[in-house]
């Protein structure tokens, strides 16, 4: 044998071993947080090709892969694939921060289940002569398996509702609701407990393997109302009926403002549905619930916003809604020389709208705006996977303290509730991009729908408190 073929065989064998090692490392390193599609996935693909190149080489990895243990796992690999996924998903629904030890135990259980199903289910069906001789019977069995699979796929959703928000109420035989503890006290306790969680998240540098939403999915993790007429387009002045939760309920609450109140819709919807409340949504793009004209559309006065706002106010006043939740972005382009959200015009416009709603018998709750990052958070995380702290901001940088203080003063003056949502996003001194396993932001200044949904408990308490408040 010439030297050249021997050298080629050695190269193929070496490539095979390197490829096998690369596949193993990729399995450990690549996570849900890894950008997909992305160049990094070329590595396991190329490594697989390198292993295939070594087939037929005696000193390549193929000889090791022929060991009985690998052959045993390989024969049951499809069963293992089918079993490991529901086990991990169902467990992580209840235990989102599962340890490595618990995952190893789940893997062992999956191996055992795959061995059992391979022997007593997969092989008997695959080798069944009646099925192989009857295409119609095979099709019927296949359809049955699909139906059963769809049924099992709904289990995670049902399990996830087991730990849902329970109202702080007891309904007696006379239908009188008794509150054992004021909702705002419970909210304060919840907020205080979360500070330590957020502070711990502020010290984390790595992206969790079970990040939700993933970096690649975050830009599309928006509330459903962002994709329909319930968040009115710039040109629209209509206020369509957007009703969610328990649609026939006599207890109705509404979201009124721009996308910055609409971003909390997933949490509001969940709380409304679970507690039998009706939720109405009246939101419009870049249109604050403040009686001022702004220049945010085509470099001119946003007349469509003024008309839409008045239509929404008239609709609210004429309705049987109990509570109205207001919120908006910070707008610096108010019509008129020298006017801005920090000026008297903005605050006067806010007072006028709230007073009109209060005079019609509605309870009003004003939400603070969320801390602004001023950069695309998912994109930042994709660029700083080694240190996610670079994608957060200090509380001093992100929070508009002066604006919030003025809003609190107006709330005290007019007698309405004020909700400081920065306590859900920021810790003692830092506002992280990720809290626990949840990505907080879906862009520069909106929370992800996943994060908003996790706040259904707090939002439920806010709604309860507003419903209990005495009429003005």
Protein backbone atom coordinates (compact mmCIF):
# COMPACT_ATOMS: atom_id res chain seq x y z
CA UNK A 1 0.00 0.00 0.00
CA UNK A 2 1.39 3.39 -0.95
CA UNK A 3 2.00 6.15 1.55
CA UNK A 4 -0.69 8.42 0.08
CA UNK A 5 -3.71 6.11 0.78
CA UNK A 6 -2.39 5.44 4.30
CA UNK A 7 -2.15 9.17 4.97
CA UNK A 8 -5.67 9.67 3.62
CA UNK A 9 -7.02 6.95 5.91
CA UNK A 10 -5.30 8.53 8.91
CA UNK A 11 -6.78 11.91 8.03
CA UNK A 12 -10.26 10.40 7.74
CA UNK A 13 -9.87 8.57 11.05
CA UNK A 14 -8.65 11.71 12.81
CA UNK A 15 -11.47 13.73 11.27
CA UNK A 16 -13.96 11.14 12.53
CA UNK A 17 -12.72 11.38 16.12
CA UNK A 18 -12.67 15.19 15.99
CA UNK A 19 -16.19 15.16 14.55
CA UNK A 20 -17.48 12.86 17.30
CA UNK A 21 -15.93 15.10 19.96
CA UNK A 22 -17.44 18.15 18.26
CA UNK A 23 -20.92 16.62 18.31
CA UNK A 24 -20.56 15.86 22.03
CA UNK A 25 -19.35 19.41 22.83
CA UNK A 26 -22.14 20.93 20.72
CA UNK A 27 -24.74 18.96 22.68
CA UNK A 28 -23.39 20.50 25.89
CA UNK A 29 -22.81 24.05 24.66
CA UNK A 30 -25.75 24.80 22.35
CA UNK A 31 -28.96 25.74 24.18
CA UNK A 32 -32.39 27.23 23.48
CA UNK A 33 -30.77 30.63 23.86
CA UNK A 34 -28.40 30.00 20.94
CA UNK A 35 -29.31 31.99 17.85
CA UNK A 36 -31.04 29.78 15.26
CA UNK A 37 -30.55 29.91 12.39
CA UNK A 38 -26.96 30.96 12.96
CA UNK A 39 -23.41 30.17 11.96
CA UNK A 40 -22.75 28.25 15.18
CA UNK A 41 -24.97 25.40 13.94
CA UNK A 42 -22.50 24.78 11.13
CA UNK A 43 -20.25 23.16 13.75
CA UNK A 44 -22.40 20.08 14.64
CA UNK A 45 -23.37 19.71 10.96
CA UNK A 46 -19.73 19.71 9.84
CA UNK A 47 -18.82 17.34 12.68
CA UNK A 48 -21.48 14.88 11.53
CA UNK A 49 -20.02 14.95 8.02
CA UNK A 50 -16.56 14.27 9.49
CA UNK A 51 -17.87 11.20 11.34
CA UNK A 52 -19.52 9.91 8.15
CA UNK A 53 -16.22 10.38 6.30
CA UNK A 54 -14.57 7.94 8.70
CA UNK A 55 -16.91 5.04 7.86
CA UNK A 56 -14.90 2.01 6.80
CA UNK A 57 -11.72 3.15 8.55
CA UNK A 58 -10.65 0.57 11.14
CA UNK A 59 -9.08 3.04 13.57
CA UNK A 60 -11.92 5.57 13.27
CA UNK A 61 -14.79 6.12 15.76
CA UNK A 62 -17.05 3.61 13.97
CA UNK A 63 -15.49 0.71 15.86
CA UNK A 64 -16.34 2.35 19.20
CA UNK A 65 -19.87 3.15 18.03
CA UNK A 66 -20.33 -0.59 17.39
CA UNK A 67 -20.01 -1.35 21.10
CA UNK A 68 -23.10 -3.04 22.52
CA UNK A 69 -24.04 -0.10 24.75
CA UNK A 70 -24.14 2.29 21.78
CA UNK A 71 -25.98 -0.24 19.64
CA UNK A 72 -28.52 -0.74 22.44
CA UNK A 73 -29.15 3.01 22.80
CA UNK A 74 -29.21 3.48 19.03
CA UNK A 75 -31.90 0.83 18.57
CA UNK A 76 -34.07 2.58 21.15
CA UNK A 77 -33.12 6.13 20.17
CA UNK A 78 -36.48 6.97 18.62
CA UNK A 79 -38.37 5.73 21.68
CA UNK A 80 -35.96 7.72 23.84
CA UNK A 81 -36.57 10.81 21.69
CA UNK A 82 -40.34 10.44 22.15
CA UNK A 83 -40.16 9.89 25.92
CA UNK A 84 -37.54 12.41 27.04
CA UNK A 85 -39.36 15.48 25.69
CA UNK A 86 -42.71 15.18 27.57
CA UNK A 87 -40.88 14.14 30.74
CA UNK A 88 -38.65 17.23 30.70
CA UNK A 89 -41.44 19.60 29.65
CA UNK A 90 -43.97 18.40 32.24
CA UNK A 91 -41.36 18.53 34.99
CA UNK A 92 -40.11 22.00 34.08
CA UNK A 93 -43.65 23.40 34.05
CA UNK A 94 -43.75 22.73 37.79
CA UNK A 95 -40.00 23.17 38.38
CA UNK A 96 -38.67 25.80 35.94
CA UNK A 97 -35.24 25.83 37.62
CA UNK A 98 -34.64 22.09 37.51
CA UNK A 99 -31.18 21.03 38.67
CA UNK A 100 -28.73 18.93 36.66
CA UNK A 101 -29.27 16.00 39.05
CA UNK A 102 -33.04 16.02 38.56
CA UNK A 103 -32.58 16.14 34.79
CA UNK A 104 -30.25 13.14 34.94
CA UNK A 105 -32.88 11.24 36.92
CA UNK A 106 -35.46 12.14 34.27
CA UNK A 107 -33.09 10.89 31.57
CA UNK A 108 -32.71 7.55 33.36
CA UNK A 109 -36.51 7.27 33.63
CA UNK A 110 -36.78 8.08 29.91
CA UNK A 111 -34.24 5.34 29.12
CA UNK A 112 -36.26 2.80 31.11
CA UNK A 113 -39.54 3.85 29.47
CA UNK A 114 -37.96 3.70 26.01
CA UNK A 115 -36.67 0.17 26.68
CA UNK A 116 -40.12 -0.97 27.84
CA UNK A 117 -41.99 0.66 24.96
CA UNK A 118 -39.40 -0.64 22.45
CA UNK A 119 -39.86 -4.22 23.62
CA UNK A 120 -43.58 -4.35 24.34
CA UNK A 121 -44.98 -1.73 21.98
CA UNK A 122 -42.68 -0.63 19.14
CA UNK A 123 -41.32 -4.02 18.06
CA UNK A 124 -44.64 -5.93 18.31
CA UNK A 125 -46.33 -3.30 16.13
CA UNK A 126 -43.49 -3.03 13.62
CA UNK A 127 -43.28 -6.82 13.22
CA UNK A 128 -47.03 -7.47 13.27
CA UNK A 129 -47.94 -9.45 10.15
CA UNK A 130 -51.58 -8.33 10.14
CA UNK A 131 -50.52 -4.68 9.99
CA UNK A 132 -47.90 -5.29 7.30
CA UNK A 133 -50.45 -7.17 5.19
CA UNK A 134 -53.24 -4.58 5.61
CA UNK A 135 -52.51 -0.96 4.61
CA UNK A 136 -55.99 0.11 5.78
CA UNK A 137 -55.46 -1.32 9.26
CA UNK A 138 -52.00 0.27 9.43
CA UNK A 139 -53.50 3.64 8.52
CA UNK A 140 -56.20 3.27 11.19
CA UNK A 141 -53.61 2.46 13.87
CA UNK A 142 -51.51 5.42 12.72
CA UNK A 143 -54.45 7.82 12.97
CA UNK A 144 -55.22 6.53 16.46
CA UNK A 145 -51.62 7.12 17.53
CA UNK A 146 -51.76 10.69 16.20
CA UNK A 147 -55.00 11.41 18.11
CA UNK A 148 -53.49 10.05 21.33
CA UNK A 149 -50.35 12.13 20.76
CA UNK A 150 -52.38 15.31 20.30
CA UNK A 151 -54.22 14.55 23.53
CA UNK A 152 -50.98 14.17 25.46
CA UNK A 153 -49.61 17.37 23.90
CA UNK A 154 -52.29 19.32 25.78
CA UNK A 155 -51.08 18.11 29.18
CA UNK A 156 -48.41 20.83 29.67
CA UNK A 157 -51.01 23.55 29.13
CA UNK A 158 -53.35 21.96 31.67
CA UNK A 159 -50.61 21.44 34.20
CA UNK A 160 -49.49 25.06 33.82
CA UNK A 161 -52.86 26.32 35.07
CA UNK A 162 -52.56 24.42 38.34
CA UNK A 163 -50.49 27.18 39.94
CA UNK A 164 -52.67 30.07 38.83
CA UNK A 165 -53.88 33.14 40.63
CA UNK A 166 -56.56 32.51 43.25
CA UNK A 167 -58.66 35.52 44.24
CA UNK A 168 -58.33 36.71 47.80
CA UNK A 169 -62.03 36.09 48.31
CA UNK A 170 -64.56 33.76 49.87
CA UNK A 171 -68.11 33.73 48.51
CA UNK A 172 -70.71 32.90 51.16
CA UNK A 173 -74.17 31.44 50.69
CA UNK A 174 -75.54 34.97 50.44
CA UNK A 175 -73.06 35.81 47.65
CA UNK A 176 -71.24 38.30 49.86
CA UNK A 177 -67.54 38.57 49.11
CA UNK A 178 -65.28 38.63 52.17
CA UNK A 179 -61.70 39.85 51.80
CA UNK A 180 -59.43 38.38 54.45
CA UNK A 181 -56.58 40.76 53.62
CA UNK A 182 -56.61 43.97 51.56
CA UNK A 183 -55.40 43.29 48.00
CA UNK A 184 -52.82 46.08 48.12
CA UNK A 185 -51.26 44.56 51.24
CA UNK A 186 -50.90 41.29 49.36
CA UNK A 187 -49.46 43.18 46.40
CA UNK A 188 -46.90 44.88 48.63
CA UNK A 189 -45.90 41.52 50.07
CA UNK A 190 -45.53 40.08 46.57
CA UNK A 191 -43.47 43.05 45.36
CA UNK A 192 -41.21 42.89 48.42
CA UNK A 193 -40.61 39.17 47.88
CA UNK A 194 -39.66 39.76 44.25
CA UNK A 195 -36.95 42.30 45.05
CA UNK A 196 -34.56 39.56 46.18
CA UNK A 197 -35.36 37.52 43.06
CA UNK A 198 -34.63 40.48 40.77
CA UNK A 199 -31.47 41.37 42.70
CA UNK A 200 -30.26 37.78 42.25
CA UNK A 201 -31.05 38.00 38.52
CA UNK A 202 -29.06 41.24 38.35
CA UNK A 203 -25.92 39.33 39.34
CA UNK A 204 -26.33 36.59 36.74
CA UNK A 205 -24.07 36.70 33.70
CA UNK A 206 -25.13 33.59 31.78
CA UNK A 207 -28.28 33.05 29.72
CA UNK A 208 -30.41 30.28 31.30
CA UNK A 209 -30.84 27.18 29.16
CA UNK A 210 -34.63 27.36 29.54
CA UNK A 211 -34.95 31.04 28.61
CA UNK A 212 -38.50 32.00 27.60
CA UNK A 213 -39.03 33.45 25.13
CA UNK A 214 -35.80 32.49 23.38
CA UNK A 215 -33.70 35.29 21.93
CA UNK A 216 -34.79 34.41 18.41
CA UNK A 217 -38.49 34.33 19.33
CA UNK A 218 -38.50 37.42 21.57
CA UNK A 219 -39.20 40.05 18.85
CA UNK A 220 -42.43 38.20 18.00
CA UNK A 221 -43.44 37.56 21.61
CA UNK A 222 -46.13 40.25 21.55
CA UNK A 223 -49.64 40.43 22.99
CA UNK A 224 -52.31 39.21 20.58
CA UNK A 225 -53.92 42.67 20.62
CA UNK A 226 -50.80 44.09 18.95
CA UNK A 227 -51.71 42.16 15.81
CA UNK A 228 -55.36 43.08 15.44
CA UNK A 229 -57.58 46.16 15.38
CA UNK A 230 -57.54 46.39 19.19
CA UNK A 231 -54.29 48.37 18.87
CA UNK A 232 -55.61 50.86 16.34
CA UNK A 233 -53.41 51.79 13.40
CA UNK A 234 -52.16 55.36 12.98
CA UNK A 235 -54.84 56.27 10.42
CA UNK A 236 -57.73 54.73 12.36
CA UNK A 237 -60.10 56.71 14.58
CA UNK A 238 -62.57 53.88 15.26
CA UNK A 239 -62.83 52.16 18.64
CA UNK A 240 -63.90 48.59 17.83
CA UNK A 241 -65.38 46.28 20.49
CA UNK A 242 -62.41 44.29 21.81
CA UNK A 243 -63.73 42.16 24.66
CA UNK A 244 -61.81 39.39 26.44
CA UNK A 245 -61.95 37.35 29.64
CA UNK A 246 -65.47 36.47 30.78
CA UNK A 247 -67.21 38.40 28.01
CA UNK A 248 -70.70 38.28 29.55
CA UNK A 249 -69.60 39.36 33.03
CA UNK A 250 -71.24 42.39 34.64
CA UNK A 251 -67.86 43.34 36.13
CA UNK A 252 -65.95 45.11 33.38
CA UNK A 253 -62.51 46.71 33.34
CA UNK A 254 -60.70 48.40 30.46
CA UNK A 255 -57.20 49.16 29.19
CA UNK A 256 -56.98 52.67 27.72
CA UNK A 257 -53.91 54.23 26.13
CA UNK A 258 -51.13 53.20 23.77
CA UNK A 259 -49.03 50.04 23.46
CA UNK A 260 -47.44 50.68 26.85
CA UNK A 261 -50.66 49.78 28.65
CA UNK A 262 -51.49 47.21 25.97
CA UNK A 263 -48.23 45.36 26.66
CA UNK A 264 -49.70 44.12 29.96
CA UNK A 265 -52.69 42.56 28.18
CA UNK A 266 -51.53 38.90 28.60
CA UNK A 267 -51.46 39.27 32.39
CA UNK A 268 -54.74 41.21 32.47
CA UNK A 269 -56.45 38.66 30.24
CA UNK A 270 -55.31 35.76 32.40
CA UNK A 271 -56.48 37.45 35.61
CA UNK A 272 -59.81 38.46 34.05
CA UNK A 273 -60.50 34.99 32.71
CA UNK A 274 -59.67 33.26 35.99
CA UNK A 275 -61.75 35.64 38.11
CA UNK A 276 -64.81 36.08 35.92
CA UNK A 277 -64.15 39.68 34.89
CA UNK A 278 -64.81 41.26 31.50
CA UNK A 279 -61.78 42.93 29.93
CA UNK A 280 -62.15 45.56 27.21
CA UNK A 281 -59.17 46.92 25.27
CA UNK A 282 -59.05 50.44 23.82
CA UNK A 283 -55.51 51.14 22.65
CA UNK A 284 -53.95 52.97 19.72
CA UNK A 285 -50.41 53.18 18.40
CA UNK A 286 -48.42 56.10 19.84
CA UNK A 287 -51.56 57.71 21.27
CA UNK A 288 -51.48 58.58 24.99
CA UNK A 289 -54.66 58.86 27.10
CA UNK A 290 -53.79 62.50 27.75
CA UNK A 291 -55.71 65.51 26.41
CA UNK A 292 -52.85 67.00 24.38
CA UNK A 293 -51.99 66.91 20.69
CA UNK A 294 -48.66 65.35 19.78
CA UNK A 295 -46.40 65.33 16.72
CA UNK A 296 -45.56 61.65 16.29
CA UNK A 297 -47.07 60.94 12.89
CA UNK A 298 -45.68 62.16 9.55
CA UNK A 299 -44.18 65.26 11.17
CA UNK A 300 -47.57 66.83 11.80
CA UNK A 301 -50.15 67.02 14.53
CA UNK A 302 -51.47 63.52 15.17
CA UNK A 303 -55.13 64.46 14.58
CA UNK A 304 -56.19 60.83 14.33
CA UNK A 305 -55.00 60.33 17.91
CA UNK A 306 -57.08 63.27 19.17
CA UNK A 307 -60.22 61.98 17.45
CA UNK A 308 -59.67 58.38 18.52
CA UNK A 309 -59.03 59.43 22.13
CA UNK A 310 -62.28 61.38 22.30
CA UNK A 311 -64.20 58.46 20.78
CA UNK A 312 -62.68 56.10 23.35
CA UNK A 313 -63.51 58.42 26.26
CA UNK A 314 -67.11 58.75 25.07
CA UNK A 315 -67.38 54.98 24.78
CA UNK A 316 -66.00 54.47 28.30
CA UNK A 317 -68.30 57.09 29.83
CA UNK A 318 -71.36 55.50 28.20
CA UNK A 319 -70.38 51.97 29.27
CA UNK A 320 -70.94 50.00 32.48
CA UNK A 321 -67.19 49.58 33.02
CA UNK A 322 -66.12 49.68 36.65
CA UNK A 323 -62.38 50.37 36.31
CA UNK A 324 -60.21 52.00 33.64
CA UNK A 325 -56.46 51.36 33.53
CA UNK A 326 -54.44 54.12 31.85
CA UNK A 327 -50.85 54.04 30.65
CA UNK A 328 -48.62 55.35 27.89
CA UNK A 329 -45.13 55.95 26.62
CA UNK A 330 -43.21 59.16 27.32
CA UNK A 331 -43.82 61.63 24.46
CA UNK A 332 -41.47 64.55 23.91
CA UNK A 333 -43.20 66.04 20.85
CA UNK A 334 -46.30 67.72 22.23
CA UNK A 335 -47.79 70.32 19.89
CA UNK A 336 -47.03 73.88 20.89
CA UNK A 337 -43.89 75.87 21.52
CA UNK A 338 -41.92 74.70 24.52
CA UNK A 339 -44.42 72.05 25.55
CA UNK A 340 -43.35 68.56 26.62
CA UNK A 341 -44.48 65.78 28.97
CA UNK A 342 -42.49 67.56 31.67
CA UNK A 343 -44.48 70.76 31.15
CA UNK A 344 -47.81 71.89 32.52
CA UNK A 345 -49.65 71.08 29.27
CA UNK A 346 -49.08 67.32 29.60
CA UNK A 347 -50.10 67.17 33.24
CA UNK A 348 -53.12 69.38 32.61
CA UNK A 349 -54.18 67.03 29.82
CA UNK A 350 -53.81 64.03 32.12
CA UNK A 351 -55.91 65.71 34.82
CA UNK A 352 -58.69 66.54 32.34
CA UNK A 353 -59.02 62.97 31.06
CA UNK A 354 -58.96 61.39 34.52
CA UNK A 355 -61.45 63.90 35.91
CA UNK A 356 -63.89 63.17 33.08
CA UNK A 357 -63.65 59.44 33.74
CA UNK A 358 -64.05 59.89 37.50
CA UNK A 359 -67.07 62.18 37.04
CA UNK A 360 -68.75 59.37 35.07
CA UNK A 361 -68.36 57.04 38.06
CA UNK A 362 -65.33 55.07 36.85
CA UNK A 363 -62.47 54.03 39.07
CA UNK A 364 -59.17 55.08 37.49
CA UNK A 365 -55.79 53.37 37.86
CA UNK A 366 -52.71 54.94 36.26
CA UNK A 367 -49.75 52.70 35.38
CA UNK A 368 -46.23 54.06 35.39
CA UNK A 369 -44.21 53.45 32.26
CA UNK A 370 -41.66 50.64 32.23
CA UNK A 371 -37.95 51.45 32.52
CA UNK A 372 -36.51 52.14 29.06
CA UNK A 373 -33.41 50.32 27.88
CA UNK A 374 -32.88 52.51 24.77
CA UNK A 375 -31.45 49.54 22.85
CA UNK A 376 -32.89 46.34 21.42
CA UNK A 377 -32.59 43.90 24.32
CA UNK A 378 -32.85 40.57 22.39
CA UNK A 379 -30.24 41.80 19.91
CA UNK A 380 -28.00 42.85 22.79
CA UNK A 381 -28.31 39.40 24.38
CA UNK A 382 -27.40 37.75 21.09
CA UNK A 383 -24.22 39.83 21.05
CA UNK A 384 -23.35 39.35 24.74
CA UNK A 385 -24.16 35.73 25.55
CA UNK A 386 -21.17 35.63 27.90
CA UNK A 387 -22.38 38.53 30.07
CA UNK A 388 -26.08 39.44 30.03
CA UNK A 389 -25.48 42.24 32.54
CA UNK A 390 -24.38 44.35 29.58
CA UNK A 391 -28.00 44.23 28.39
CA UNK A 392 -29.47 45.71 31.56
CA UNK A 393 -29.34 49.24 32.97
CA UNK A 394 -29.06 50.77 36.39
CA UNK A 395 -32.29 51.95 37.97
CA UNK A 396 -31.00 55.52 37.80
CA UNK A 397 -30.43 55.21 34.03
CA UNK A 398 -33.68 53.46 33.15
CA UNK A 399 -36.32 54.98 35.44
CA UNK A 400 -37.82 58.45 34.92
CA UNK A 401 -38.10 59.28 38.62
CA UNK A 402 -39.23 62.90 38.13
CA UNK A 403 -42.12 61.91 35.88
CA UNK A 404 -43.20 59.17 38.28
CA UNK A 405 -43.13 61.55 41.23
CA UNK A 406 -45.40 64.00 39.40
CA UNK A 407 -47.80 61.18 38.49
CA UNK A 408 -47.93 60.07 42.12
CA UNK A 409 -48.68 63.64 43.21
CA UNK A 410 -51.56 63.93 40.73
CA UNK A 411 -52.90 60.55 41.89
CA UNK A 412 -52.93 61.78 45.49
CA UNK A 413 -54.51 65.07 44.42
CA UNK A 414 -57.35 63.55 42.39
CA UNK A 415 -57.79 60.40 44.48
CA UNK A 416 -57.01 57.60 42.02
CA UNK A 417 -54.67 54.61 42.25
CA UNK A 418 -51.14 54.57 40.89
CA UNK A 419 -49.19 51.39 40.04
CA UNK A 420 -45.39 51.55 39.92
CA UNK A 421 -44.48 48.75 37.50
CA UNK A 422 -40.76 49.42 37.87
CA UNK A 423 -40.94 47.24 40.99
CA UNK A 424 -41.73 44.27 38.72
CA UNK A 425 -38.77 44.96 36.44
CA UNK A 426 -36.01 46.49 38.56
CA UNK A 427 -34.28 45.39 41.73
CA UNK A 428 -32.68 47.58 44.36
CA UNK A 429 -30.33 49.28 41.91
CA UNK A 430 -30.38 47.39 38.60
CA UNK A 431 -32.93 46.49 35.90
CA UNK A 432 -31.85 43.15 34.36
CA UNK A 433 -32.79 41.91 30.90
CA UNK A 434 -33.63 38.45 32.28
CA UNK A 435 -35.40 37.57 35.53
CA UNK A 436 -35.24 33.89 36.44
CA UNK A 437 -35.76 32.12 33.13
CA UNK A 438 -37.92 34.88 31.59
CA UNK A 439 -36.69 37.44 29.07
CA UNK A 440 -38.21 40.72 30.26
CA UNK A 441 -38.07 42.83 27.09
CA UNK A 442 -39.11 42.00 23.54
CA UNK A 443 -37.55 45.20 22.11
CA UNK A 444 -36.30 48.51 23.52
CA UNK A 445 -39.30 49.55 25.60
CA UNK A 446 -41.94 46.80 25.68
CA UNK A 447 -42.03 43.77 27.95
CA UNK A 448 -42.42 40.37 26.34
CA UNK A 449 -45.85 38.76 26.36
CA UNK A 450 -44.36 35.90 28.37
CA UNK A 451 -43.16 38.28 31.09
CA UNK A 452 -46.48 40.16 31.15
CA UNK A 453 -48.31 36.87 31.61
CA UNK A 454 -46.23 36.09 34.72
CA UNK A 455 -47.69 39.22 36.35
CA UNK A 456 -51.31 38.00 36.29
CA UNK A 457 -51.24 37.51 40.07
CA UNK A 458 -50.17 41.10 40.74
CA UNK A 459 -52.55 42.47 38.12
CA UNK A 460 -55.40 40.48 39.65
CA UNK A 461 -54.70 42.12 43.01
CA UNK A 462 -54.63 45.57 41.37
CA UNK A 463 -58.02 44.90 39.77
CA UNK A 464 -59.47 43.61 43.06
CA UNK A 465 -58.29 46.72 44.89
CA UNK A 466 -59.86 49.02 42.29
CA UNK A 467 -63.16 47.13 42.41
CA UNK A 468 -63.23 47.49 46.20
CA UNK A 469 -62.49 51.22 46.15
CA UNK A 470 -65.43 53.47 47.14
CA UNK A 471 -67.06 55.52 44.40
CA UNK A 472 -65.80 59.07 44.05
